[in-house]
N, C-alpha and C. Protein backbone atom coordinates (compact mmCIF):
# COMPACT_ATOMS: atom_id res chain seq x y z
N UNK A 1 0.83 -1.20 0.00
CA UNK A 1 0.00 0.00 0.00
C UNK A 1 0.87 1.26 0.00
N UNK A 2 1.93 1.25 0.80
CA UNK A 2 2.84 2.40 0.82
C UNK A 2 3.45 2.64 -0.55
N UNK A 3 3.86 1.56 -1.22
CA UNK A 3 4.49 1.72 -2.52
C UNK A 3 3.51 2.27 -3.55
N UNK A 4 2.27 1.78 -3.48
CA UNK A 4 1.28 2.26 -4.44
C UNK A 4 0.96 3.73 -4.22
N UNK A 5 0.90 4.13 -2.94
CA UNK A 5 0.56 5.52 -2.65
C UNK A 5 1.71 6.47 -2.94
N UNK A 6 2.92 6.10 -2.51
CA UNK A 6 4.06 7.04 -2.63
C UNK A 6 4.61 7.10 -4.05
N UNK A 7 4.74 5.93 -4.73
CA UNK A 7 5.29 5.89 -6.10
C UNK A 7 6.57 6.72 -6.21
N UNK A 8 7.51 6.42 -5.35
CA UNK A 8 8.76 7.17 -5.33
C UNK A 8 9.75 6.60 -6.33
N UNK A 9 10.47 7.47 -7.00
CA UNK A 9 11.50 7.05 -7.95
C UNK A 9 12.69 6.46 -7.20
N UNK A 10 13.31 5.49 -7.83
CA UNK A 10 14.53 4.91 -7.26
C UNK A 10 15.72 5.80 -7.62
N UNK A 11 16.85 5.62 -6.93
CA UNK A 11 18.01 6.47 -7.23
C UNK A 11 18.49 6.40 -8.66
N UNK A 12 18.25 5.28 -9.33
CA UNK A 12 18.70 5.13 -10.71
C UNK A 12 17.67 5.62 -11.73
N UNK A 13 16.55 6.15 -11.27
CA UNK A 13 15.50 6.61 -12.16
C UNK A 13 15.44 8.14 -12.19
N UNK A 14 15.07 8.66 -13.33
CA UNK A 14 14.90 10.10 -13.48
C UNK A 14 16.20 10.85 -13.20
N UNK A 15 16.09 11.93 -12.46
CA UNK A 15 17.27 12.75 -12.12
C UNK A 15 17.92 12.26 -10.83
N UNK A 16 17.47 11.15 -10.25
CA UNK A 16 18.05 10.62 -9.03
C UNK A 16 17.69 11.41 -7.80
N UNK A 17 16.60 12.18 -7.87
CA UNK A 17 16.18 13.00 -6.73
C UNK A 17 15.18 12.29 -5.84
N UNK A 18 14.66 11.15 -6.28
CA UNK A 18 13.72 10.40 -5.47
C UNK A 18 12.39 11.10 -5.31
N UNK A 19 11.88 11.62 -6.40
CA UNK A 19 10.61 12.35 -6.31
C UNK A 19 9.46 11.39 -6.03
N UNK A 20 8.55 11.84 -5.18
CA UNK A 20 7.36 11.07 -4.89
C UNK A 20 6.30 11.29 -5.98
N UNK A 21 5.45 10.29 -6.17
CA UNK A 21 4.32 10.34 -7.11
C UNK A 21 4.78 10.49 -8.57
N UNK A 22 6.04 10.09 -8.85
CA UNK A 22 6.53 10.15 -10.22
C UNK A 22 7.02 8.79 -10.71
N UNK A 23 7.12 7.81 -9.82
CA UNK A 23 7.58 6.50 -10.24
C UNK A 23 6.42 5.58 -10.58
N UNK A 24 6.72 4.31 -10.64
CA UNK A 24 5.69 3.31 -10.91
C UNK A 24 5.31 2.62 -9.61
N UNK A 25 4.05 2.22 -9.50
CA UNK A 25 3.57 1.64 -8.25
C UNK A 25 4.27 0.32 -7.92
N UNK A 26 4.56 -0.48 -8.96
CA UNK A 26 5.17 -1.78 -8.72
C UNK A 26 6.65 -1.68 -8.44
N UNK A 27 7.29 -0.55 -8.77
CA UNK A 27 8.73 -0.40 -8.59
C UNK A 27 9.04 0.79 -7.69
N UNK A 28 8.13 1.14 -6.81
CA UNK A 28 8.32 2.29 -5.93
C UNK A 28 9.46 2.02 -4.95
N UNK A 29 10.20 3.06 -4.64
CA UNK A 29 11.37 2.93 -3.77
C UNK A 29 11.03 3.04 -2.30
N UNK A 30 9.87 3.56 -1.96
CA UNK A 30 9.53 3.83 -0.57
C UNK A 30 8.38 2.94 -0.10
N UNK A 31 8.57 2.18 0.99
CA UNK A 31 9.81 1.97 1.75
C UNK A 31 10.57 0.77 1.21
N UNK A 32 11.71 0.43 1.82
CA UNK A 32 12.52 -0.70 1.37
C UNK A 32 11.91 -2.00 1.91
N UNK A 33 11.45 -2.83 1.00
CA UNK A 33 10.85 -4.11 1.42
C UNK A 33 11.91 -5.07 1.96
N UNK A 34 13.13 -5.01 1.37
CA UNK A 34 14.20 -5.88 1.87
C UNK A 34 14.54 -5.54 3.32
N UNK A 35 14.66 -4.24 3.62
CA UNK A 35 14.96 -3.84 4.99
C UNK A 35 13.83 -4.23 5.93
N UNK A 36 12.60 -4.05 5.48
CA UNK A 36 11.46 -4.40 6.32
C UNK A 36 11.44 -5.89 6.64
N UNK A 37 11.71 -6.72 5.63
CA UNK A 37 11.68 -8.16 5.82
C UNK A 37 12.78 -8.62 6.77
N UNK A 38 14.02 -8.17 6.52
CA UNK A 38 15.14 -8.63 7.34
C UNK A 38 15.02 -8.12 8.78
N UNK A 39 14.56 -6.88 8.96
CA UNK A 39 14.46 -6.36 10.32
C UNK A 39 13.29 -6.97 11.09
N UNK A 40 12.24 -7.38 10.40
CA UNK A 40 11.14 -8.05 11.09
C UNK A 40 11.58 -9.42 11.60
N UNK A 41 12.32 -10.17 10.78
CA UNK A 41 12.83 -11.47 11.21
C UNK A 41 13.85 -11.29 12.34
N UNK A 42 14.74 -10.29 12.18
CA UNK A 42 15.74 -10.05 13.22
C UNK A 42 15.09 -9.65 14.53
N UNK A 43 14.02 -8.88 14.46
CA UNK A 43 13.34 -8.45 15.67
C UNK A 43 12.71 -9.62 16.42
N UNK A 44 12.10 -10.54 15.69
CA UNK A 44 11.50 -11.71 16.33
C UNK A 44 12.58 -12.55 17.01
N UNK A 45 13.68 -12.80 16.32
CA UNK A 45 14.75 -13.62 16.89
C UNK A 45 15.39 -12.95 18.10
N UNK A 46 15.61 -11.63 18.00
CA UNK A 46 16.25 -10.91 19.10
C UNK A 46 15.34 -10.83 20.32
N UNK A 47 14.03 -10.76 20.12
CA UNK A 47 13.12 -10.72 21.26
C UNK A 47 12.97 -12.11 21.88
N UNK A 48 12.95 -13.13 21.06
CA UNK A 48 12.78 -14.49 21.58
C UNK A 48 14.05 -14.98 22.27
N UNK A 49 15.22 -14.60 21.75
CA UNK A 49 16.51 -14.99 22.33
C UNK A 49 17.29 -13.72 22.64
N UNK A 50 16.98 -13.04 23.76
CA UNK A 50 17.52 -11.71 24.01
C UNK A 50 18.96 -11.70 24.53
N UNK A 51 19.79 -12.62 24.06
CA UNK A 51 21.18 -12.60 24.45
C UNK A 51 21.97 -11.63 23.60
N UNK A 52 23.09 -11.12 24.11
CA UNK A 52 23.88 -10.14 23.35
C UNK A 52 24.42 -10.70 22.04
N UNK A 53 24.85 -11.96 22.03
CA UNK A 53 25.40 -12.54 20.81
C UNK A 53 24.33 -12.65 19.73
N UNK A 54 23.13 -13.08 20.12
CA UNK A 54 22.03 -13.18 19.15
C UNK A 54 21.70 -11.82 18.56
N UNK A 55 21.61 -10.80 19.41
CA UNK A 55 21.28 -9.46 18.94
C UNK A 55 22.34 -8.94 17.97
N UNK A 56 23.61 -9.16 18.31
CA UNK A 56 24.69 -8.68 17.42
C UNK A 56 24.60 -9.37 16.06
N UNK A 57 24.33 -10.67 16.05
CA UNK A 57 24.29 -11.41 14.80
C UNK A 57 23.10 -11.00 13.93
N UNK A 58 21.88 -11.02 14.51
CA UNK A 58 20.69 -10.78 13.69
C UNK A 58 20.57 -9.30 13.29
N UNK A 59 20.84 -8.40 14.24
CA UNK A 59 20.77 -6.98 13.89
C UNK A 59 21.93 -6.57 12.99
N UNK A 60 23.08 -7.23 13.16
CA UNK A 60 24.19 -6.96 12.25
C UNK A 60 23.89 -7.39 10.83
N UNK A 61 23.24 -8.56 10.69
CA UNK A 61 22.86 -9.04 9.36
C UNK A 61 21.82 -8.12 8.74
N UNK A 62 20.82 -7.71 9.53
CA UNK A 62 19.80 -6.81 9.01
C UNK A 62 20.40 -5.45 8.62
N UNK A 63 21.34 -4.96 9.40
CA UNK A 63 21.99 -3.69 9.07
C UNK A 63 22.81 -3.82 7.79
N UNK A 64 23.44 -4.98 7.61
CA UNK A 64 24.20 -5.19 6.38
C UNK A 64 23.32 -5.20 5.15
N UNK A 65 22.16 -5.83 5.26
CA UNK A 65 21.22 -5.84 4.14
C UNK A 65 20.74 -4.42 3.84
N UNK A 66 20.44 -3.66 4.89
CA UNK A 66 19.96 -2.29 4.69
C UNK A 66 21.03 -1.42 4.04
N UNK A 67 22.27 -1.56 4.50
CA UNK A 67 23.35 -0.77 3.92
C UNK A 67 23.59 -1.15 2.47
N UNK A 68 23.44 -2.45 2.16
CA UNK A 68 23.65 -2.89 0.78
C UNK A 68 22.61 -2.31 -0.16
N UNK A 69 21.39 -2.10 0.34
CA UNK A 69 20.35 -1.51 -0.52
C UNK A 69 20.66 -0.06 -0.85
N UNK A 70 21.36 0.64 0.04
CA UNK A 70 21.71 2.03 -0.22
C UNK A 70 22.94 2.11 -1.13
N UNK A 71 23.98 1.34 -0.79
CA UNK A 71 25.20 1.38 -1.59
C UNK A 71 24.98 0.82 -2.99
N UNK A 72 24.02 -0.07 -3.13
CA UNK A 72 23.71 -0.61 -4.46
C UNK A 72 22.78 0.29 -5.26
N UNK A 73 22.47 1.47 -4.73
CA UNK A 73 21.62 2.46 -5.39
C UNK A 73 20.25 1.87 -5.76
N UNK A 74 19.74 1.03 -4.86
CA UNK A 74 18.39 0.52 -5.02
C UNK A 74 17.39 1.32 -4.19
N UNK A 75 17.88 1.98 -3.13
CA UNK A 75 17.01 2.76 -2.26
C UNK A 75 17.76 3.98 -1.73
N UNK A 76 16.99 4.96 -1.29
CA UNK A 76 17.54 6.10 -0.58
C UNK A 76 17.64 5.76 0.91
N UNK A 77 18.50 6.45 1.66
CA UNK A 77 18.60 6.16 3.10
C UNK A 77 17.27 6.28 3.82
N UNK A 78 16.44 7.22 3.43
CA UNK A 78 15.13 7.36 4.10
C UNK A 78 14.25 6.15 3.85
N UNK A 79 14.35 5.56 2.65
CA UNK A 79 13.58 4.34 2.38
C UNK A 79 13.99 3.21 3.33
N UNK A 80 15.29 3.09 3.53
CA UNK A 80 15.81 2.02 4.38
C UNK A 80 15.47 2.26 5.84
N UNK A 81 15.57 3.52 6.28
CA UNK A 81 15.28 3.83 7.68
C UNK A 81 13.82 3.54 8.01
N UNK A 82 12.92 3.98 7.13
CA UNK A 82 11.50 3.73 7.37
C UNK A 82 11.19 2.24 7.29
N UNK A 83 11.75 1.55 6.30
CA UNK A 83 11.51 0.11 6.18
C UNK A 83 12.05 -0.67 7.37
N UNK A 84 13.25 -0.28 7.84
CA UNK A 84 13.83 -0.98 9.00
C UNK A 84 12.99 -0.74 10.25
N UNK A 85 12.53 0.48 10.45
CA UNK A 85 11.71 0.78 11.62
C UNK A 85 10.40 0.00 11.58
N UNK A 86 9.75 -0.01 10.42
CA UNK A 86 8.51 -0.77 10.30
C UNK A 86 8.75 -2.26 10.53
N UNK A 87 9.84 -2.78 9.99
CA UNK A 87 10.15 -4.20 10.18
C UNK A 87 10.38 -4.55 11.63
N UNK A 88 11.12 -3.68 12.35
CA UNK A 88 11.38 -3.95 13.77
C UNK A 88 10.07 -3.95 14.56
N UNK A 89 9.19 -2.99 14.26
CA UNK A 89 7.91 -2.92 14.98
C UNK A 89 7.02 -4.11 14.64
N UNK A 90 7.04 -4.54 13.39
CA UNK A 90 6.26 -5.72 13.00
C UNK A 90 6.74 -6.95 13.75
N UNK A 91 8.07 -7.14 13.79
CA UNK A 91 8.62 -8.29 14.51
C UNK A 91 8.29 -8.25 15.98
N UNK A 92 8.34 -7.07 16.57
CA UNK A 92 8.01 -6.94 17.99
C UNK A 92 6.55 -7.28 18.24
N UNK A 93 5.67 -6.87 17.33
CA UNK A 93 4.25 -7.19 17.47
C UNK A 93 3.99 -8.68 17.31
N UNK A 94 4.68 -9.31 16.37
CA UNK A 94 4.54 -10.75 16.18
C UNK A 94 4.99 -11.49 17.44
N UNK A 95 6.11 -11.06 18.01
CA UNK A 95 6.61 -11.69 19.24
C UNK A 95 5.61 -11.52 20.38
N UNK A 96 5.07 -10.31 20.53
CA UNK A 96 4.14 -10.05 21.62
C UNK A 96 2.86 -10.87 21.49
N UNK A 97 2.41 -11.12 20.25
CA UNK A 97 1.17 -11.86 20.04
C UNK A 97 1.34 -13.37 20.19
N UNK A 98 2.50 -13.89 19.86
CA UNK A 98 2.68 -15.34 19.81
C UNK A 98 3.60 -15.89 20.88
N UNK A 99 4.25 -15.02 21.67
CA UNK A 99 5.13 -15.51 22.71
C UNK A 99 4.33 -16.14 23.83
N UNK A 100 4.86 -17.23 24.40
CA UNK A 100 4.20 -17.90 25.52
C UNK A 100 4.25 -16.98 26.73
N UNK A 101 3.09 -16.52 27.17
CA UNK A 101 3.03 -15.57 28.28
C UNK A 101 3.48 -16.19 29.59
N UNK A 102 3.52 -17.53 29.67
CA UNK A 102 3.98 -18.16 30.90
C UNK A 102 5.49 -18.07 31.07
N UNK A 103 6.20 -17.76 29.98
CA UNK A 103 7.65 -17.63 30.04
C UNK A 103 8.02 -16.18 30.29
N UNK A 104 9.17 -15.93 30.94
CA UNK A 104 9.59 -14.54 31.15
C UNK A 104 9.96 -13.88 29.84
N UNK A 105 9.85 -12.55 29.80
CA UNK A 105 10.21 -11.80 28.62
C UNK A 105 9.05 -11.39 27.76
N UNK A 106 7.82 -11.78 28.12
CA UNK A 106 6.66 -11.45 27.30
C UNK A 106 6.40 -9.95 27.29
N UNK A 107 6.79 -9.24 28.35
CA UNK A 107 6.55 -7.81 28.44
C UNK A 107 7.78 -7.01 28.05
N UNK A 108 8.66 -7.63 27.28
CA UNK A 108 9.88 -6.95 26.84
C UNK A 108 9.52 -5.72 26.00
N UNK A 109 10.11 -4.59 26.32
CA UNK A 109 9.87 -3.37 25.56
C UNK A 109 8.69 -2.57 26.03
N UNK A 110 8.05 -2.98 27.12
CA UNK A 110 6.92 -2.24 27.66
C UNK A 110 7.31 -1.62 28.99
N UNK A 111 6.38 -0.87 29.58
CA UNK A 111 6.63 -0.24 30.87
C UNK A 111 6.20 -1.12 32.03
N UNK A 112 5.83 -2.36 31.74
CA UNK A 112 5.40 -3.29 32.77
C UNK A 112 6.51 -4.30 33.02
N UNK A 113 6.59 -4.78 34.25
CA UNK A 113 7.60 -5.75 34.61
C UNK A 113 7.04 -7.15 34.47
N UNK A 114 7.95 -8.10 34.21
CA UNK A 114 7.55 -9.50 34.18
C UNK A 114 7.12 -9.93 35.58
N UNK A 115 6.31 -10.95 35.61
CA UNK A 115 5.88 -11.48 36.90
C UNK A 115 7.07 -12.02 37.67
N UNK A 116 7.09 -11.73 38.97
CA UNK A 116 8.17 -12.21 39.82
C UNK A 116 7.96 -13.69 40.08
N UNK A 117 8.98 -14.53 39.82
CA UNK A 117 8.79 -15.97 40.08
C UNK A 117 8.53 -16.23 41.55
N UNK A 118 7.67 -17.21 41.80
CA UNK A 118 7.31 -17.53 43.17
C UNK A 118 8.47 -18.19 43.88
N UNK A 119 8.61 -17.86 45.14
CA UNK A 119 9.67 -18.43 45.97
C UNK A 119 9.17 -19.74 46.56
N UNK A 120 9.85 -20.82 46.21
CA UNK A 120 9.44 -22.14 46.68
C UNK A 120 10.25 -22.59 47.89
N UNK A 121 10.96 -21.68 48.52
CA UNK A 121 11.69 -22.05 49.72
C UNK A 121 13.08 -22.55 49.42
N UNK A 122 13.84 -22.88 50.46
CA UNK A 122 15.24 -23.27 50.27
C UNK A 122 15.41 -24.58 49.53
N UNK A 123 14.37 -25.46 49.53
CA UNK A 123 14.51 -26.74 48.85
C UNK A 123 14.58 -26.58 47.35
N UNK A 124 14.22 -25.38 46.82
CA UNK A 124 14.27 -25.13 45.39
C UNK A 124 15.50 -24.30 45.02
N UNK A 125 16.46 -24.21 45.92
CA UNK A 125 17.64 -23.40 45.67
C UNK A 125 18.40 -23.93 44.46
N UNK A 126 19.02 -23.01 43.75
CA UNK A 126 19.74 -23.40 42.54
C UNK A 126 21.03 -24.13 42.89
N UNK A 127 21.63 -23.78 44.02
CA UNK A 127 22.93 -24.32 44.36
C UNK A 127 22.91 -24.91 45.75
N UNK A 128 23.59 -26.02 45.91
CA UNK A 128 23.77 -26.62 47.22
C UNK A 128 25.05 -27.43 47.18
N UNK A 129 25.90 -27.32 48.21
CA UNK A 129 27.17 -28.08 48.21
C UNK A 129 26.92 -29.57 48.22
N UNK A 130 27.85 -30.31 47.64
CA UNK A 130 27.78 -31.76 47.65
C UNK A 130 28.39 -32.30 48.94
N UNK A 131 27.86 -33.43 49.38
CA UNK A 131 28.43 -34.13 50.52
C UNK A 131 29.59 -34.99 50.01
N UNK A 132 30.77 -34.93 50.64
CA UNK A 132 31.91 -35.73 50.17
C UNK A 132 31.57 -37.21 50.05
N UNK A 133 32.20 -37.87 49.10
CA UNK A 133 31.87 -39.26 48.81
C UNK A 133 32.16 -40.19 49.97
N UNK A 134 33.19 -39.86 50.78
CA UNK A 134 33.56 -40.75 51.87
C UNK A 134 32.96 -40.31 53.20
N UNK A 135 31.91 -39.50 53.16
CA UNK A 135 31.30 -39.00 54.39
C UNK A 135 30.52 -40.11 55.10
N UNK A 136 30.43 -39.98 56.43
CA UNK A 136 29.67 -40.95 57.23
C UNK A 136 28.17 -40.86 56.96
N UNK A 137 27.77 -39.79 56.27
CA UNK A 137 26.35 -39.57 56.02
C UNK A 137 25.75 -40.69 55.17
N UNK A 138 26.49 -41.13 54.16
CA UNK A 138 25.94 -42.14 53.24
C UNK A 138 25.66 -43.48 53.94
N UNK A 139 26.59 -44.02 54.74
CA UNK A 139 26.22 -45.26 55.47
C UNK A 139 25.04 -45.07 56.41
N UNK A 140 24.92 -43.88 56.99
CA UNK A 140 23.78 -43.64 57.89
C UNK A 140 22.47 -43.67 57.12
N UNK A 141 22.44 -43.04 55.95
CA UNK A 141 21.23 -43.07 55.14
C UNK A 141 20.94 -44.48 54.62
N UNK A 142 21.99 -45.23 54.28
CA UNK A 142 21.79 -46.60 53.82
C UNK A 142 21.18 -47.45 54.93
N UNK A 143 21.63 -47.21 56.15
CA UNK A 143 21.07 -47.96 57.28
C UNK A 143 19.60 -47.63 57.48
N UNK A 144 19.25 -46.35 57.40
CA UNK A 144 17.85 -45.95 57.54
C UNK A 144 17.00 -46.51 56.40
N UNK A 145 17.58 -46.52 55.19
CA UNK A 145 16.84 -47.08 54.05
C UNK A 145 16.63 -48.58 54.22
N UNK A 146 17.65 -49.27 54.76
CA UNK A 146 17.52 -50.70 54.97
C UNK A 146 16.49 -51.04 56.02
N UNK A 147 16.26 -50.13 56.94
CA UNK A 147 15.25 -50.35 57.98
C UNK A 147 13.87 -49.89 57.53
N UNK A 148 13.77 -49.40 56.29
CA UNK A 148 12.48 -48.98 55.76
C UNK A 148 12.05 -47.60 56.22
N UNK A 149 12.96 -46.84 56.82
CA UNK A 149 12.60 -45.50 57.29
C UNK A 149 12.58 -44.50 56.13
N UNK A 150 13.50 -44.68 55.17
CA UNK A 150 13.58 -43.80 54.00
C UNK A 150 13.35 -44.65 52.76
N UNK A 151 12.51 -44.18 51.86
CA UNK A 151 12.15 -45.00 50.70
C UNK A 151 12.42 -44.34 49.37
N UNK A 152 12.73 -43.06 49.33
CA UNK A 152 12.82 -42.38 48.03
C UNK A 152 14.24 -42.01 47.65
N UNK A 153 15.23 -42.46 48.37
CA UNK A 153 16.61 -42.08 48.05
C UNK A 153 17.19 -42.97 46.96
N UNK A 154 17.98 -42.38 46.08
CA UNK A 154 18.68 -43.14 45.04
C UNK A 154 20.07 -43.47 45.59
N UNK A 155 20.16 -44.62 46.23
CA UNK A 155 21.38 -44.94 46.95
C UNK A 155 22.56 -45.16 46.01
N UNK A 156 22.30 -45.52 44.77
CA UNK A 156 23.39 -45.78 43.85
C UNK A 156 23.92 -44.55 43.17
N UNK A 157 23.30 -43.41 43.34
CA UNK A 157 23.70 -42.17 42.67
C UNK A 157 24.35 -41.26 43.71
N UNK A 158 25.61 -40.99 43.54
CA UNK A 158 26.34 -40.12 44.45
C UNK A 158 27.26 -39.22 43.64
N UNK A 159 27.63 -38.08 44.22
CA UNK A 159 27.32 -37.55 45.56
C UNK A 159 25.95 -36.90 45.61
N UNK A 160 25.47 -36.70 46.84
CA UNK A 160 24.21 -36.01 47.08
C UNK A 160 24.49 -34.59 47.53
N UNK A 161 23.57 -33.72 47.23
CA UNK A 161 23.68 -32.36 47.76
C UNK A 161 23.15 -32.33 49.19
N UNK A 162 23.52 -31.30 49.90
CA UNK A 162 23.04 -31.17 51.28
C UNK A 162 21.53 -30.96 51.33
N UNK A 163 20.99 -30.28 50.32
CA UNK A 163 19.54 -30.10 50.28
C UNK A 163 18.82 -31.42 50.05
N UNK A 164 19.41 -32.29 49.24
CA UNK A 164 18.79 -33.60 49.02
C UNK A 164 18.80 -34.42 50.31
N UNK A 165 19.88 -34.34 51.07
CA UNK A 165 19.93 -35.05 52.35
C UNK A 165 18.87 -34.50 53.30
N UNK A 166 18.71 -33.18 53.31
CA UNK A 166 17.68 -32.59 54.17
C UNK A 166 16.29 -33.03 53.74
N UNK A 167 16.08 -33.15 52.42
CA UNK A 167 14.77 -33.61 51.94
C UNK A 167 14.49 -35.03 52.39
N UNK A 168 15.51 -35.90 52.38
CA UNK A 168 15.31 -37.27 52.84
C UNK A 168 14.99 -37.32 54.33
N UNK A 169 15.62 -36.44 55.09
CA UNK A 169 15.33 -36.41 56.53
C UNK A 169 13.91 -35.96 56.80
N UNK A 170 13.39 -35.09 55.95
CA UNK A 170 12.01 -34.62 56.15
C UNK A 170 10.99 -35.74 55.94
N UNK A 171 11.39 -36.81 55.25
CA UNK A 171 10.48 -37.93 55.03
C UNK A 171 10.40 -38.86 56.23
N UNK A 172 11.35 -38.76 57.12
CA UNK A 172 11.39 -39.69 58.25
C UNK A 172 10.24 -39.39 59.20
N UNK A 173 9.48 -40.41 59.55
CA UNK A 173 8.37 -40.29 60.49
C UNK A 173 8.91 -40.47 61.91
N UNK A 174 9.03 -39.34 62.61
CA UNK A 174 9.60 -39.39 63.96
C UNK A 174 8.65 -40.05 64.95
N UNK A 175 7.39 -40.14 64.60
CA UNK A 175 6.43 -40.71 65.54
C UNK A 175 6.24 -42.20 65.38
N UNK A 176 7.10 -42.86 64.63
CA UNK A 176 6.98 -44.30 64.40
C UNK A 176 7.30 -45.05 65.70
N UNK A 177 6.36 -45.84 66.15
CA UNK A 177 6.56 -46.58 67.39
C UNK A 177 7.60 -47.68 67.24
N UNK A 178 7.82 -48.13 65.99
CA UNK A 178 8.76 -49.23 65.76
C UNK A 178 10.20 -48.74 65.64
N UNK A 179 10.42 -47.46 65.76
CA UNK A 179 11.78 -46.95 65.62
C UNK A 179 12.61 -47.39 66.81
N UNK A 180 13.81 -47.85 66.51
CA UNK A 180 14.70 -48.35 67.55
C UNK A 180 15.60 -47.24 68.04
N UNK A 181 16.41 -47.59 69.05
CA UNK A 181 17.36 -46.61 69.56
C UNK A 181 18.40 -46.23 68.52
N UNK A 182 18.79 -47.22 67.71
CA UNK A 182 19.76 -46.93 66.66
C UNK A 182 19.19 -45.94 65.65
N UNK A 183 17.93 -46.11 65.29
CA UNK A 183 17.29 -45.19 64.36
C UNK A 183 17.25 -43.78 64.93
N UNK A 184 16.93 -43.68 66.20
CA UNK A 184 16.86 -42.36 66.83
C UNK A 184 18.21 -41.69 66.85
N UNK A 185 19.26 -42.46 67.15
CA UNK A 185 20.61 -41.89 67.19
C UNK A 185 21.05 -41.42 65.81
N UNK A 186 20.80 -42.24 64.80
CA UNK A 186 21.18 -41.86 63.44
C UNK A 186 20.41 -40.62 62.99
N UNK A 187 19.13 -40.61 63.29
CA UNK A 187 18.32 -39.47 62.87
C UNK A 187 18.76 -38.20 63.58
N UNK A 188 19.09 -38.30 64.87
CA UNK A 188 19.53 -37.12 65.62
C UNK A 188 20.86 -36.61 65.08
N UNK A 189 21.77 -37.53 64.74
CA UNK A 189 23.06 -37.11 64.21
C UNK A 189 22.91 -36.45 62.84
N UNK A 190 22.06 -36.98 62.01
CA UNK A 190 21.83 -36.39 60.69
C UNK A 190 21.12 -35.05 60.81
N UNK A 191 20.20 -34.96 61.74
CA UNK A 191 19.53 -33.68 61.97
C UNK A 191 20.51 -32.60 62.38
N UNK A 192 21.45 -32.96 63.24
CA UNK A 192 22.46 -31.99 63.68
C UNK A 192 23.36 -31.58 62.51
N UNK A 193 23.68 -32.54 61.65
CA UNK A 193 24.57 -32.26 60.52
C UNK A 193 23.91 -31.32 59.51
N UNK A 194 22.62 -31.49 59.27
CA UNK A 194 21.91 -30.71 58.26
C UNK A 194 20.90 -29.76 58.90
N UNK A 195 21.26 -29.22 60.05
CA UNK A 195 20.35 -28.33 60.76
C UNK A 195 20.08 -27.06 59.96
N UNK A 196 21.08 -26.52 59.28
CA UNK A 196 20.89 -25.28 58.51
C UNK A 196 19.92 -25.50 57.36
N UNK A 197 20.06 -26.62 56.66
CA UNK A 197 19.17 -26.89 55.53
C UNK A 197 17.75 -27.20 56.00
N UNK A 198 17.62 -27.90 57.10
CA UNK A 198 16.28 -28.22 57.61
C UNK A 198 15.57 -26.99 58.14
N UNK A 199 16.33 -26.04 58.69
CA UNK A 199 15.72 -24.83 59.22
C UNK A 199 15.50 -23.76 58.19
N UNK A 200 15.95 -23.99 56.96
CA UNK A 200 15.77 -22.99 55.90
C UNK A 200 16.63 -21.75 56.08
N UNK A 201 17.69 -21.86 56.85
CA UNK A 201 18.55 -20.70 57.11
C UNK A 201 19.88 -20.85 56.38
N UNK A 202 19.81 -21.05 55.09
CA UNK A 202 21.03 -21.21 54.32
C UNK A 202 21.73 -19.88 54.13
N UNK A 203 23.01 -19.89 54.35
CA UNK A 203 23.83 -18.69 54.17
C UNK A 203 25.11 -19.09 53.46
N UNK A 204 25.78 -18.09 52.91
CA UNK A 204 27.07 -18.35 52.31
C UNK A 204 28.08 -18.68 53.40
N UNK A 205 28.81 -19.78 53.24
CA UNK A 205 29.77 -20.17 54.26
C UNK A 205 30.91 -20.94 53.61
N UNK A 206 32.00 -21.00 54.32
CA UNK A 206 33.14 -21.80 53.90
C UNK A 206 33.41 -22.81 54.99
N UNK A 207 33.52 -24.09 54.62
CA UNK A 207 33.70 -25.14 55.61
C UNK A 207 34.77 -26.11 55.14
N UNK A 208 35.50 -26.67 56.09
CA UNK A 208 36.49 -27.70 55.81
C UNK A 208 35.84 -29.05 56.07
N UNK A 209 35.57 -29.82 55.02
CA UNK A 209 34.86 -31.08 55.17
C UNK A 209 35.79 -32.20 55.65
N UNK A 210 36.98 -32.25 55.15
CA UNK A 210 37.87 -33.35 55.52
C UNK A 210 39.31 -32.91 55.30
N UNK A 211 40.20 -33.55 56.03
CA UNK A 211 41.63 -33.24 55.98
C UNK A 211 42.39 -34.55 55.87
N UNK A 212 43.31 -34.63 54.93
CA UNK A 212 44.05 -35.86 54.69
C UNK A 212 45.54 -35.63 54.96
N UNK A 213 46.17 -36.66 55.44
CA UNK A 213 47.62 -36.62 55.64
C UNK A 213 48.18 -37.98 55.23
N UNK A 214 49.36 -37.96 54.63
CA UNK A 214 49.98 -39.22 54.20
C UNK A 214 51.48 -39.11 54.35
N UNK A 215 52.07 -40.14 54.89
CA UNK A 215 53.53 -40.17 55.06
C UNK A 215 54.13 -41.00 53.94
N UNK A 216 55.21 -40.52 53.36
CA UNK A 216 55.87 -41.23 52.25
C UNK A 216 57.38 -41.23 52.50
N UNK A 217 58.02 -42.12 51.82
CA UNK A 217 59.49 -42.20 51.93
C UNK A 217 60.10 -42.36 50.55
N UNK A 218 61.30 -41.89 50.38
CA UNK A 218 62.03 -41.99 49.10
C UNK A 218 63.27 -42.81 49.36
N UNK A 219 63.47 -43.88 48.62
CA UNK A 219 64.65 -44.73 48.80
C UNK A 219 65.46 -44.74 47.50
């Protein structure tokens, strides 16, 4: 519609002044369709994958296409600027209409903030230190599992994180009448070891888990 209405001459037509309403509707220079197409695709990709590398690649490619249309004397700079702007807005609108609203980034480019993810407590923490492979914790959990106190642990997969150990302790039924003295002692020792994780009071800390010494001789 823009091309039919404007009918702008291309740089290689007439006196090269780009007069409006003097060209042909099918060969109008305003706006640049190549710039509009490349910038619309680049806008969708950049909004969907908003990383710096993606933006540099797609917007760099779109800018190269736009510059080539000017240097190749197919369009005037104003044709490319308007076409690029329209393409970017079209891509942004396509992204806004079709992006999964359940994912973050749907409100990109607006004055509204994305929904704040819900806090699921310390058990959903992204990071938790691993328990050393030779720790006494693993035999204790194996003993509890053998007595049927713990049922959901993957005993063959190690190491475990401290949060996973705390989760296993939360499954233990302290009110079980069949629990023996050994079970109570093991459970109390594990509770003391993972008190921070069970209480939800995780903080940044540095700890020495184990210390090794070995004597050697040279002959």
